[in-house]
Amino acid sequence: MKIIYRLLTTLFFISLVMPGGQCPAASHENNGLDPANPVAQVVQTETIYSVMPARSLNNLFAGIVLPQNSGMADNNWNSGHQDSYNSDSVGLSGPTGGQLKLIQKENPYGFTAVMACNLNNQMIGNPVSFTDLKYRLIVFDHNLNIISATVTGNLVPNSFGGGYFYLNEDNNSVVVGDNKMKCYPTADVEDTGKVSSLEPLWVSDDIVTLVTESSDPNSLYASMPVWGQPNMYWCLLAGNYDFDSSALISPAYIALVRIVPDESQSSNGCTTTLIAKMELPGQWNNNTIAVDDQGAYFVTNGCSDGPCDTGYLYAVAFDSKKGRISPRWKYEYKNSGLLKTGMTNIGSGTSPTIIENQRGLKRVVIADNAYPRLNVVVVDHKNGHLIAELPVFPEMRGCSEASPIGVGNSIVIENNFGHTIDPQIPQLEPNEPGLALIEMGTNNSRSRPKMVWENDQTSFFAMSQLARESGIIFASTGDWDDEIASEEGGMYYISAIDSWDGRIIWQVPLGRGQKGTHEYGGIYFDHDENLYVGTRSYLFSIQNYTSE
């Protein structure tokens, strides 16, 4: 049901001070806030809503615990996909009470797609500014007060490279920026009363130079720690694809790098060693990595004699005896070669998700880029053999740039077809609606997938997140039903959805048009179960509210 507005919005102004300098001139492109300059007036609002309590009719996910990558902070709070299986789920309940407080604050640093939370309950994000085209690492408290902001790198055109980061086992942030890995001290950031900057603990050598030994353009897309091996990292290079000429300029790579912190290395605080690399000829990448105790998993978009009409899902491992990265298996998924409306990939738009049921059976899940219908693809974790290929969403109107939720035998996939991906163009028409839950069998010999439910009325954006302890899926949704949507854009919400039957329990509005759009990245939580999300112009938090 729709939310019921209860109390008037309260406004107050906070002086946001950034290090060194004077008050900036107004910037129309960024709400009058210039991230390169020091002082801005930031508007915060708090709104109370009365809603139906978010309770699942029959929660099947309570008590499920996912394996922990020892190189990362605790699951639920450590990365863009919440864990190294990329489950897009948390062992939390989230804000499920009958009264909710929505906090909204302007964010001068841009769009914050990915977040994490340290043990001191400080939120960490890495927004990209479309004003100065830079990524920053920001740290903020539960009231969205930003206490630290540090430039980490430049925006890579036509790529989300640099947008992913994770918290390591010490709760320090490991980010990708300008083809280097960088580690920042985010375990407990002091609130000095003004926005400070962080000095990196270490900065790696240029990974692209180490791997390619070439001057051809390429970029480090993402990195994840090797399971159970300290100081070892999987590094995924995106390759370089020219959308204008439809030409692959340079190929993608997967590499294994050792980075050992060393304070005697005064220039960068570490030593960087390339252990192994594997070129992915004729392929490029725009999705991140999943990792488990047997290796790394990723998808590529493949180009052959011009058209990008192939693509692969890889499982790779390091062969220590031979000193090289070896494919455990490679699965060729269906790729129409079409850059569908709403996609940034000519191929799969989903990072792989590893699912493991109570019997210990593991599978790997992606969505492909088939035509005329999108497929949810499930392969055997051991050998990459196809288990299921289930068509979803309408013919010619289905695509997914949001990685699937995957827990146990359950998969949740959303439709992003029709999404306007150009940040300069407002979306005046709705996405094709669609969110579906698919149930796999308990073994691979009789594992025909079953469509349990589909919400075909609502438009979805970015990565939805399953709160396993409540059984609620928190999702970014949009609505274009009113008369002004065709001129000012849709109204965007965070919606609470019952994972049992797909019904929407409540919707809390984030705003209309581009300023309220949360189009990439996920929905995140702190240790108090408060929800956080970033849009083009704002940071938001939804919290359980108790009146005094």
Protein backbone atom coordinates (compact mmCIF):
# COMPACT_ATOMS: atom_id res chain seq x y z
CA MET A 1 0.00 0.00 0.00
CA LYS A 2 1.05 3.60 -0.45
CA ILE A 3 2.57 5.40 2.52
CA ILE A 4 0.50 7.87 4.55
CA TYR A 5 2.10 11.21 5.15
CA ARG A 6 1.94 12.01 8.85
CA LEU A 7 4.09 14.92 9.98
CA LEU A 8 5.26 18.09 8.33
CA THR A 9 8.81 18.14 7.00
CA THR A 10 11.35 19.80 9.26
CA LEU A 11 14.15 21.75 7.71
CA PHE A 12 17.42 22.78 9.10
CA PHE A 13 20.66 23.92 7.58
CA ILE A 14 24.07 22.56 8.35
CA SER A 15 27.28 24.24 7.28
CA LEU A 16 29.31 21.59 5.48
CA VAL A 17 32.99 22.46 5.60
CA MET A 18 35.48 20.78 3.29
CA PRO A 19 39.23 21.14 3.71
CA GLY A 20 40.93 24.39 2.69
CA GLY A 21 39.41 27.23 0.64
CA GLN A 22 36.47 29.58 0.40
CA CYS A 23 32.78 29.44 -0.34
CA PRO A 24 32.12 28.25 -3.94
CA ALA A 25 30.10 29.89 -6.62
CA ALA A 26 26.76 28.26 -7.31
CA SER A 27 26.78 25.33 -9.74
CA HIS A 28 23.43 24.69 -11.39
CA GLU A 29 24.63 21.25 -12.51
CA ASN A 30 25.10 20.07 -8.94
CA ASN A 31 22.39 21.80 -6.90
CA GLY A 32 24.62 24.81 -6.26
CA LEU A 33 27.25 22.58 -4.65
CA ASP A 34 30.72 22.29 -6.12
CA PRO A 35 32.65 19.27 -4.76
CA ALA A 36 35.99 20.84 -5.67
CA ASN A 37 35.33 23.82 -3.38
CA PRO A 38 35.10 23.92 0.39
CA VAL A 39 31.84 25.28 1.81
CA ALA A 40 28.22 24.64 0.97
CA GLN A 41 24.85 24.98 2.63
CA VAL A 42 23.34 21.50 2.83
CA VAL A 43 19.61 21.06 3.31
CA GLN A 44 18.43 18.19 5.49
CA THR A 45 14.82 17.10 5.87
CA GLU A 46 13.22 14.58 8.18
CA THR A 47 9.78 13.15 7.45
CA ILE A 48 7.77 10.64 9.49
CA TYR A 49 5.53 8.10 7.74
CA SER A 50 2.95 5.70 9.10
CA VAL A 51 2.99 2.47 7.10
CA MET A 52 1.93 -1.14 7.29
CA PRO A 53 4.63 -3.03 9.21
CA ALA A 54 6.80 -4.91 6.71
CA ARG A 55 6.12 -8.52 7.61
CA SER A 56 6.47 -11.46 5.26
CA LEU A 57 3.51 -13.79 5.13
CA ASN A 58 5.94 -16.74 5.15
CA ASN A 59 9.65 -15.94 5.43
CA LEU A 60 11.80 -18.77 4.04
CA PHE A 61 15.17 -17.09 4.57
CA ALA A 62 15.48 -16.47 8.34
CA GLY A 63 18.56 -18.02 9.91
CA ILE A 64 20.47 -18.54 6.66
CA VAL A 65 24.14 -17.59 7.06
CA LEU A 66 26.44 -17.19 4.05
CA PRO A 67 30.13 -18.16 4.04
CA GLN A 68 32.58 -15.42 5.00
CA ASN A 69 35.56 -14.31 2.90
CA SER A 70 38.31 -13.87 5.50
CA GLY A 71 39.84 -11.01 3.53
CA MET A 72 36.70 -8.92 3.97
CA ALA A 73 34.79 -7.31 6.81
CA ASP A 74 31.69 -9.10 8.08
CA ASN A 75 29.03 -10.04 5.54
CA ASN A 76 26.04 -7.67 5.36
CA TRP A 77 28.27 -4.59 5.50
CA ASN A 78 31.40 -5.21 3.43
CA SER A 79 30.79 -4.48 -0.27
CA GLY A 80 28.52 -3.46 -3.11
CA HIS A 81 26.83 -6.87 -3.24
CA GLN A 82 26.94 -7.40 0.58
CA ASP A 83 29.31 -10.43 0.45
CA SER A 84 31.77 -12.06 -1.95
CA TYR A 85 29.08 -14.47 -3.24
CA ASN A 86 27.32 -11.34 -4.58
CA SER A 87 24.10 -12.55 -2.95
CA ASP A 88 22.57 -9.06 -2.72
CA SER A 89 21.10 -10.14 0.61
CA VAL A 90 21.78 -9.44 4.28
CA GLY A 91 21.19 -11.39 7.47
CA LEU A 92 19.19 -8.46 8.84
CA SER A 93 15.56 -7.32 9.02
CA GLY A 94 15.89 -3.69 7.92
CA PRO A 95 13.35 -1.00 8.83
CA THR A 96 10.12 -2.95 9.24
CA GLY A 97 8.17 -0.98 11.88
CA GLY A 98 4.86 0.81 11.48
CA GLN A 99 6.48 4.23 11.77
CA LEU A 100 9.45 5.21 9.64
CA LYS A 101 11.68 8.26 9.59
CA LEU A 102 13.05 9.33 6.23
CA ILE A 103 16.17 11.51 6.43
CA GLN A 104 17.21 13.30 3.24
CA LYS A 105 20.33 15.37 2.76
CA GLU A 106 21.90 16.98 -0.28
CA ASN A 107 25.17 15.33 -1.23
CA PRO A 108 27.72 17.73 -2.79
CA TYR A 109 29.90 14.82 -3.93
CA GLY A 110 27.52 13.29 -6.46
CA PHE A 111 25.81 9.95 -6.94
CA THR A 112 26.64 7.35 -4.28
CA ALA A 113 25.87 3.96 -5.79
CA VAL A 114 27.81 1.63 -3.47
CA MET A 115 28.13 1.73 0.34
CA ALA A 116 29.48 -0.28 3.27
CA CYS A 117 29.42 0.10 7.06
CA ASN A 118 32.32 -0.19 9.50
CA LEU A 119 32.18 -1.69 13.00
CA ASN A 120 31.74 1.79 14.50
CA ASN A 121 28.49 2.15 12.55
CA GLN A 122 29.85 4.76 10.17
CA MET A 123 28.62 4.48 6.59
CA ILE A 124 31.14 4.61 3.76
CA GLY A 125 30.38 5.34 0.12
CA ASN A 126 32.17 6.24 -3.09
CA PRO A 127 30.12 8.80 -5.02
CA VAL A 128 30.96 9.96 -8.51
CA SER A 129 30.54 13.65 -9.32
CA PHE A 130 29.24 14.49 -12.78
CA THR A 131 30.55 18.02 -12.17
CA ASP A 132 34.28 17.30 -11.90
CA LEU A 133 34.15 13.61 -13.04
CA LYS A 134 35.87 12.26 -9.94
CA TYR A 135 35.22 9.46 -7.48
CA ARG A 136 35.50 10.16 -3.77
CA LEU A 137 35.44 8.01 -0.68
CA ILE A 138 33.05 9.55 1.85
CA VAL A 139 32.33 8.62 5.46
CA PHE A 140 29.09 9.73 7.12
CA ASP A 141 27.06 9.06 10.26
CA HIS A 142 23.50 7.76 10.74
CA ASN A 143 22.13 11.30 10.35
CA LEU A 144 23.93 11.62 6.98
CA ASN A 145 26.48 14.12 8.28
CA ILE A 146 29.53 13.70 6.05
CA ILE A 147 32.71 13.68 8.14
CA SER A 148 35.28 12.76 5.51
CA ALA A 149 35.66 13.02 1.73
CA THR A 150 38.74 11.92 -0.25
CA VAL A 151 39.32 11.90 -4.01
CA THR A 152 40.21 8.35 -5.12
CA GLY A 153 40.30 8.59 -8.91
CA ASN A 154 38.80 9.83 -12.15
CA LEU A 155 35.63 8.64 -13.84
CA VAL A 156 36.28 6.07 -16.58
CA PRO A 157 34.07 6.86 -19.62
CA ASN A 158 31.39 4.24 -20.44
CA SER A 159 32.36 2.18 -17.39
CA PHE A 160 31.53 1.72 -13.71
CA GLY A 161 35.20 0.98 -13.09
CA GLY A 162 36.21 2.75 -9.87
CA GLY A 163 32.66 2.57 -8.54
CA TYR A 164 33.17 -0.65 -6.59
CA PHE A 165 35.04 -0.92 -3.31
CA TYR A 166 35.01 -3.22 -0.30
CA LEU A 167 35.96 -3.22 3.38
CA ASN A 168 38.84 -5.52 4.25
CA GLU A 169 39.15 -7.61 7.42
CA ASP A 170 40.34 -4.50 9.32
CA ASN A 171 37.34 -2.44 8.11
CA ASN A 172 39.61 -0.33 5.90
CA SER A 173 38.36 0.54 2.42
CA VAL A 174 40.04 -0.95 -0.63
CA VAL A 175 39.12 1.06 -3.72
CA VAL A 176 40.08 1.14 -7.37
CA GLY A 177 41.23 4.47 -8.79
CA ASP A 178 43.29 5.48 -11.82
CA ASN A 179 44.28 1.82 -12.42
CA LYS A 180 45.66 1.39 -8.90
CA MET A 181 44.35 -0.27 -5.75
CA LYS A 182 44.23 2.04 -2.76
CA CYS A 183 43.58 1.28 0.91
CA TYR A 184 42.16 3.98 3.21
CA PRO A 185 41.81 3.94 7.03
CA THR A 186 38.02 3.83 7.46
CA ALA A 187 37.69 1.57 10.52
CA ASP A 188 36.95 4.57 12.76
CA VAL A 189 37.07 8.05 11.24
CA GLU A 190 37.22 10.92 13.69
CA ASP A 191 34.53 13.55 13.43
CA THR A 192 36.49 16.79 13.64
CA GLY A 193 33.52 19.07 13.04
CA LYS A 194 34.50 19.64 9.43
CA VAL A 195 34.91 17.42 6.41
CA SER A 196 38.41 15.98 6.55
CA SER A 197 40.35 13.92 4.01
CA LEU A 198 42.10 10.58 4.51
CA GLU A 199 45.63 9.60 3.66
CA PRO A 200 45.93 6.14 2.07
CA LEU A 201 47.57 3.36 4.05
CA TRP A 202 48.98 2.06 0.78
CA VAL A 203 48.67 2.55 -2.97
CA SER A 204 49.60 -0.21 -5.39
CA ASP A 205 51.59 0.15 -8.56
CA ASP A 206 49.66 0.69 -11.79
CA ILE A 207 47.93 -2.70 -12.26
CA VAL A 208 47.13 -2.11 -15.94
CA THR A 209 50.77 -1.38 -16.75
CA LEU A 210 51.87 -4.50 -14.86
CA VAL A 211 49.35 -6.73 -16.61
CA THR A 212 49.20 -5.48 -20.20
CA GLU A 213 52.70 -4.06 -20.74
CA SER A 214 50.97 -2.01 -23.41
CA SER A 215 50.09 1.58 -24.17
CA ASP A 216 46.66 0.57 -25.50
CA PRO A 217 43.87 2.06 -23.38
CA ASN A 218 42.56 -0.20 -20.66
CA SER A 219 41.32 0.19 -17.09
CA LEU A 220 41.23 -1.66 -13.77
CA TYR A 221 37.54 -2.32 -13.21
CA ALA A 222 37.33 -4.04 -9.83
CA SER A 223 39.28 -6.07 -7.29
CA MET A 224 38.37 -8.63 -4.63
CA PRO A 225 40.53 -10.51 -2.06
CA VAL A 226 41.48 -14.10 -2.79
CA TRP A 227 39.63 -16.39 -0.37
CA GLY A 228 41.88 -17.45 2.50
CA GLN A 229 45.12 -15.96 1.15
CA PRO A 230 46.21 -12.70 2.82
CA ASN A 231 47.57 -9.92 0.59
CA MET A 232 46.37 -11.66 -2.59
CA TYR A 233 43.83 -10.02 -4.90
CA TRP A 234 41.83 -10.88 -7.99
CA CYS A 235 42.00 -7.93 -10.39
CA LEU A 236 39.64 -7.59 -13.35
CA LEU A 237 40.67 -5.33 -16.24
CA ALA A 238 37.74 -4.11 -18.32
CA GLY A 239 39.34 -3.87 -21.76
CA ASN A 240 38.33 -0.98 -23.95
CA TYR A 241 35.32 -0.98 -26.24
CA ASP A 242 34.48 2.01 -28.47
CA PHE A 243 30.68 2.31 -28.60
CA ASP A 244 30.82 4.89 -31.40
CA SER A 245 32.79 2.70 -33.82
CA SER A 246 31.67 -0.66 -32.38
CA ALA A 247 35.32 -1.65 -32.10
CA LEU A 248 37.21 -3.50 -29.39
CA ILE A 249 40.38 -1.48 -28.80
CA SER A 250 41.95 -3.73 -26.14
CA PRO A 251 40.87 -6.96 -24.40
CA ALA A 252 39.88 -7.70 -20.82
CA TYR A 253 42.17 -9.57 -18.40
CA ILE A 254 41.86 -11.37 -15.10
CA ALA A 255 44.98 -11.11 -12.95
CA LEU A 256 46.27 -12.20 -9.56
CA VAL A 257 48.28 -9.59 -7.65
CA ARG A 258 50.10 -9.69 -4.32
CA ILE A 259 50.19 -6.41 -2.37
CA VAL A 260 52.18 -6.45 0.85
CA PRO A 261 51.96 -3.39 3.12
CA ASP A 262 55.47 -2.08 3.73
CA GLU A 263 55.95 1.22 5.53
CA SER A 264 59.53 1.42 4.27
CA GLN A 265 58.11 2.03 0.80
CA SER A 266 57.57 5.69 1.51
CA SER A 267 56.18 6.45 -1.94
CA ASN A 268 53.24 4.06 -1.75
CA GLY A 269 53.46 2.08 1.50
CA CYS A 270 53.48 -1.36 -0.13
CA THR A 271 55.14 -3.66 -2.61
CA THR A 272 53.13 -4.85 -5.63
CA THR A 273 53.85 -8.13 -7.43
CA LEU A 274 52.02 -9.54 -10.44
CA ILE A 275 51.60 -13.27 -9.74
CA ALA A 276 49.67 -14.36 -12.84
CA LYS A 277 47.44 -13.04 -15.61
CA MET A 278 45.04 -14.41 -18.19
CA GLU A 279 44.11 -12.47 -21.30
CA LEU A 280 40.50 -12.68 -22.47
CA PRO A 281 40.89 -12.17 -26.24
CA GLY A 282 38.08 -10.42 -28.07
CA GLN A 283 36.22 -9.64 -24.84
CA TRP A 284 35.46 -6.67 -22.61
CA ASN A 285 33.80 -6.33 -19.24
CA ASN A 286 31.53 -3.98 -17.29
CA ASN A 287 30.55 -6.12 -14.28
CA THR A 288 32.36 -7.09 -11.09
CA ILE A 289 33.66 -10.36 -9.62
CA ALA A 290 32.23 -13.01 -7.29
CA VAL A 291 34.71 -14.97 -5.16
CA ASP A 292 34.59 -18.19 -3.15
CA ASP A 293 37.11 -20.70 -1.82
CA GLN A 294 37.64 -22.17 -5.28
CA GLY A 295 38.36 -19.01 -7.24
CA ALA A 296 36.76 -16.09 -9.03
CA TYR A 297 33.69 -15.76 -11.30
CA PHE A 298 32.92 -13.07 -13.86
CA VAL A 299 31.17 -12.41 -17.18
CA THR A 300 32.47 -10.88 -20.39
CA ASN A 301 30.94 -9.40 -23.51
CA GLY A 302 32.52 -10.99 -26.59
CA CYS A 303 33.30 -9.38 -29.96
CA SER A 304 34.05 -11.44 -33.05
CA ASP A 305 34.78 -9.80 -36.41
CA GLY A 306 32.98 -6.67 -35.28
CA PRO A 307 29.64 -7.60 -33.68
CA CYS A 308 29.54 -8.20 -29.92
CA ASP A 309 27.32 -11.25 -30.15
CA THR A 310 29.09 -13.70 -27.86
CA GLY A 311 29.74 -13.69 -24.13
CA TYR A 312 31.13 -15.93 -21.45
CA LEU A 313 30.70 -16.76 -17.79
CA TYR A 314 34.06 -17.80 -16.34
CA ALA A 315 35.18 -19.70 -13.27
CA VAL A 316 38.94 -19.35 -12.78
CA ALA A 317 41.42 -20.59 -10.20
CA PHE A 318 45.12 -20.14 -9.53
CA ASP A 319 47.25 -23.20 -10.28
CA SER A 320 50.10 -22.73 -7.81
CA LYS A 321 52.11 -25.62 -9.29
CA LYS A 322 52.09 -24.12 -12.76
CA GLY A 323 52.06 -20.53 -11.53
CA ARG A 324 49.18 -19.47 -13.74
CA ILE A 325 45.46 -18.69 -13.74
CA SER A 326 43.47 -21.54 -15.27
CA PRO A 327 39.81 -21.62 -16.30
CA ARG A 328 37.94 -24.20 -14.24
CA TRP A 329 35.25 -23.85 -16.86
CA LYS A 330 33.83 -21.35 -19.37
CA TYR A 331 30.15 -21.16 -20.28
CA GLU A 332 29.00 -19.33 -23.42
CA TYR A 333 25.72 -17.57 -22.74
CA LYS A 334 23.28 -16.27 -25.35
CA ASN A 335 24.07 -12.75 -26.53
CA SER A 336 21.91 -11.04 -29.13
CA GLY A 337 24.56 -8.44 -29.87
CA LEU A 338 22.01 -5.72 -29.06
CA LEU A 339 22.66 -2.81 -26.72
CA LYS A 340 19.14 -2.94 -25.31
CA THR A 341 17.50 0.20 -23.96
CA GLY A 342 18.48 0.38 -20.32
CA MET A 343 21.79 -1.49 -20.71
CA THR A 344 25.43 -0.42 -20.54
CA ASN A 345 26.60 -3.84 -21.73
CA ILE A 346 26.29 -5.55 -25.09
CA GLY A 347 25.94 -8.80 -23.21
CA SER A 348 25.08 -9.76 -19.66
CA GLY A 349 24.47 -6.81 -17.38
CA THR A 350 24.75 -8.91 -14.23
CA SER A 351 27.72 -9.82 -12.08
CA PRO A 352 27.62 -13.54 -11.20
CA THR A 353 25.81 -14.65 -8.06
CA ILE A 354 26.84 -17.85 -6.26
CA ILE A 355 23.97 -19.69 -4.61
CA GLU A 356 24.36 -22.58 -2.16
CA ASN A 357 21.48 -24.52 -0.66
CA GLN A 358 21.24 -26.36 2.67
CA ARG A 359 22.51 -29.56 1.05
CA GLY A 360 25.73 -27.78 0.03
CA LEU A 361 24.80 -27.74 -3.67
CA LYS A 362 26.32 -24.67 -5.35
CA ARG A 363 25.30 -22.98 -8.59
CA VAL A 364 26.22 -19.76 -10.40
CA VAL A 365 23.53 -17.41 -11.72
CA ILE A 366 23.48 -14.63 -14.32
CA ALA A 367 21.02 -13.06 -16.74
CA ASP A 368 22.01 -13.27 -20.41
CA ASN A 369 21.31 -10.91 -23.33
CA ALA A 370 19.16 -13.21 -25.44
CA TYR A 371 16.57 -12.10 -28.00
CA PRO A 372 13.59 -11.95 -28.06
CA ARG A 373 13.44 -12.86 -24.35
CA LEU A 374 15.92 -12.46 -21.55
CA ASN A 375 16.95 -15.69 -19.77
CA VAL A 376 17.93 -16.37 -16.19
CA VAL A 377 20.88 -18.76 -16.59
CA VAL A 378 21.92 -21.21 -13.87
CA VAL A 379 25.05 -23.35 -14.29
CA ASP A 380 26.70 -26.05 -12.19
CA HIS A 381 29.35 -24.60 -9.89
CA LYS A 382 31.59 -27.63 -10.40
CA ASN A 383 31.75 -27.82 -14.19
CA GLY A 384 29.78 -24.95 -15.71
CA HIS A 385 27.18 -27.25 -17.27
CA LEU A 386 23.83 -25.60 -17.94
CA ILE A 387 21.21 -26.46 -15.33
CA ALA A 388 18.45 -24.02 -16.26
CA GLU A 389 17.72 -21.34 -18.82
CA LEU A 390 14.41 -19.72 -17.96
CA PRO A 391 12.92 -16.97 -20.17
CA VAL A 392 11.61 -14.01 -18.18
CA PHE A 393 9.75 -10.77 -18.95
CA PRO A 394 7.99 -9.85 -22.22
CA GLU A 395 9.41 -10.50 -25.68
CA MET A 396 11.64 -7.67 -26.93
CA ARG A 397 11.14 -5.76 -23.68
CA GLY A 398 13.43 -7.41 -21.16
CA CYS A 399 16.96 -6.72 -19.92
CA SER A 400 18.73 -6.63 -16.57
CA GLU A 401 21.58 -4.39 -15.42
CA ALA A 402 20.92 -5.36 -11.78
CA SER A 403 22.60 -8.52 -10.54
CA PRO A 404 20.18 -11.17 -9.27
CA ILE A 405 19.48 -11.80 -5.61
CA GLY A 406 20.48 -15.38 -4.87
CA VAL A 407 19.99 -17.29 -1.61
CA GLY A 408 19.62 -21.07 -1.24
CA ASN A 409 17.44 -22.25 -4.13
CA SER A 410 15.82 -18.83 -4.69
CA ILE A 411 16.67 -16.24 -7.35
CA VAL A 412 15.14 -12.77 -7.73
CA ILE A 413 15.62 -10.97 -11.06
CA GLU A 414 14.39 -7.54 -12.16
CA ASN A 415 13.59 -5.94 -15.50
CA ASN A 416 15.40 -2.70 -16.38
CA PHE A 417 14.26 -2.38 -19.99
CA GLY A 418 13.55 1.24 -20.98
CA HIS A 419 15.74 2.86 -18.34
CA THR A 420 17.32 6.12 -19.53
CA ILE A 421 21.01 5.68 -18.74
CA ASP A 422 22.28 9.07 -19.95
CA PRO A 423 22.79 11.19 -16.80
CA GLN A 424 21.90 14.37 -18.74
CA ILE A 425 18.52 13.11 -19.99
CA PRO A 426 15.57 12.88 -17.57
CA GLN A 427 13.40 9.78 -17.81
CA LEU A 428 9.92 10.87 -18.80
CA GLU A 429 8.52 7.41 -19.58
CA PRO A 430 8.50 4.36 -17.29
CA ASN A 431 10.70 1.31 -17.44
CA GLU A 432 9.09 -1.91 -18.54
CA PRO A 433 7.89 -3.33 -15.19
CA GLY A 434 8.99 -6.63 -13.74
CA LEU A 435 10.43 -8.36 -10.69
CA ALA A 436 10.30 -12.15 -10.45
CA LEU A 437 11.20 -14.84 -7.91
CA ILE A 438 12.39 -18.16 -9.34
CA GLU A 439 12.77 -21.34 -7.30
CA MET A 440 15.29 -23.99 -8.30
CA GLY A 441 15.01 -27.66 -7.38
CA THR A 442 17.05 -29.05 -4.51
CA ASN A 443 19.31 -31.09 -6.81
CA ASN A 444 20.61 -30.70 -10.35
CA SER A 445 19.14 -33.89 -11.81
CA ARG A 446 15.59 -32.66 -11.18
CA SER A 447 16.15 -28.92 -11.11
CA ARG A 448 13.51 -27.47 -13.37
CA PRO A 449 13.08 -23.84 -12.34
CA LYS A 450 9.67 -22.60 -11.24
CA MET A 451 8.42 -19.03 -11.53
CA VAL A 452 6.92 -18.51 -8.07
CA TRP A 453 5.66 -14.97 -8.64
CA GLU A 454 6.14 -11.93 -10.85
CA ASN A 455 5.34 -8.32 -10.08
CA ASP A 456 4.51 -7.00 -13.56
CA GLN A 457 3.04 -3.67 -12.44
CA THR A 458 6.07 -1.86 -11.00
CA SER A 459 9.21 -0.38 -12.58
CA PHE A 460 12.49 -1.29 -10.89
CA PHE A 461 15.96 0.29 -10.81
CA ALA A 462 19.39 -0.67 -9.50
CA MET A 463 19.99 -3.71 -7.28
CA SER A 464 17.21 -4.82 -4.99
CA GLN A 465 18.27 -6.26 -1.63
CA LEU A 466 16.77 -9.13 0.36
CA ALA A 467 16.72 -8.79 4.16
CA ARG A 468 16.78 -12.46 5.09
CA GLU A 469 15.66 -12.10 8.72
CA SER A 470 12.44 -10.32 7.75
CA GLY A 471 11.92 -11.83 4.30
CA ILE A 472 11.49 -8.32 2.87
CA ILE A 473 12.97 -7.24 -0.46
CA PHE A 474 13.88 -3.56 -0.41
CA ALA A 475 13.83 -2.14 -3.94
CA SER A 476 14.21 1.12 -5.83
CA THR A 477 11.04 1.71 -7.87
CA GLY A 478 9.44 4.38 -10.03
CA ASP A 479 5.95 5.60 -10.86
CA TRP A 480 4.85 7.72 -13.87
CA ASP A 481 1.09 7.64 -13.27
CA ASP A 482 0.45 11.34 -12.65
CA GLU A 483 0.04 14.12 -15.21
CA ILE A 484 3.33 15.92 -14.57
CA ALA A 485 5.54 12.84 -15.05
CA SER A 486 5.83 13.44 -18.80
CA GLU A 487 7.30 16.88 -18.11
CA GLU A 488 9.17 16.48 -14.83
CA GLY A 489 9.88 12.75 -14.72
CA GLY A 490 8.69 9.94 -12.51
CA MET A 491 8.39 9.75 -8.75
CA TYR A 492 10.96 7.42 -7.20
CA TYR A 493 10.53 5.29 -4.09
CA ILE A 494 12.11 2.73 -1.84
CA SER A 495 9.58 -0.09 -1.74
CA ALA A 496 9.23 -2.94 0.76
CA ILE A 497 8.16 -6.16 -0.96
CA ASP A 498 7.21 -9.50 0.57
CA SER A 499 9.57 -12.16 -0.82
CA TRP A 500 6.84 -14.78 -0.32
CA ASP A 501 4.31 -13.40 -2.80
CA GLY A 502 5.77 -10.26 -4.42
CA ARG A 503 3.23 -7.81 -2.97
CA ILE A 504 4.35 -4.26 -2.19
CA ILE A 505 3.79 -3.49 1.50
CA TRP A 506 4.88 0.17 1.54
CA GLN A 507 6.56 2.80 -0.59
CA VAL A 508 8.53 5.75 0.78
CA PRO A 509 9.14 8.53 -1.79
CA LEU A 510 12.66 9.75 -2.61
CA GLY A 511 11.68 12.50 -5.03
CA ARG A 512 10.79 13.25 -8.61
CA GLY A 513 13.00 13.30 -11.68
CA GLN A 514 16.76 12.99 -11.87
CA LYS A 515 17.41 14.23 -8.33
CA GLY A 516 15.51 11.28 -6.86
CA THR A 517 16.85 8.63 -9.22
CA HIS A 518 18.71 5.68 -7.70
CA GLU A 519 19.63 3.85 -10.88
CA TYR A 520 22.76 1.81 -10.13
CA GLY A 521 24.28 0.21 -7.07
CA GLY A 522 22.40 -1.24 -4.14
CA ILE A 523 20.51 -0.53 -0.95
CA TYR A 524 22.56 -0.73 2.24
CA PHE A 525 22.19 -1.07 6.01
CA ASP A 526 24.10 -0.16 9.17
CA HIS A 527 24.44 -2.28 12.29
CA ASP A 528 21.23 -0.76 13.71
CA GLU A 529 19.31 -1.99 10.62
CA ASN A 530 18.81 1.52 9.25
CA LEU A 531 18.56 1.61 5.45
CA TYR A 532 20.70 3.87 3.23
CA VAL A 533 20.57 4.75 -0.44
CA GLY A 534 22.10 7.38 -2.71
CA THR A 535 20.49 9.23 -5.62
CA ARG A 536 21.80 11.73 -8.15
CA SER A 537 21.60 14.58 -5.63
CA TYR A 538 20.90 13.14 -2.18
CA LEU A 539 21.75 10.70 0.55
CA PHE A 540 18.72 9.04 2.18
CA SER A 541 18.18 6.95 5.27
CA ILE A 542 15.01 5.11 6.29
CA GLN A 543 14.89 4.24 9.98
CA ASN A 544 12.41 2.75 12.40
CA TYR A 545 10.87 5.62 14.35
CA THR A 546 9.59 5.70 17.92
CA SER A 547 7.92 8.89 19.12
CA GLU A 548 9.21 10.22 22.43
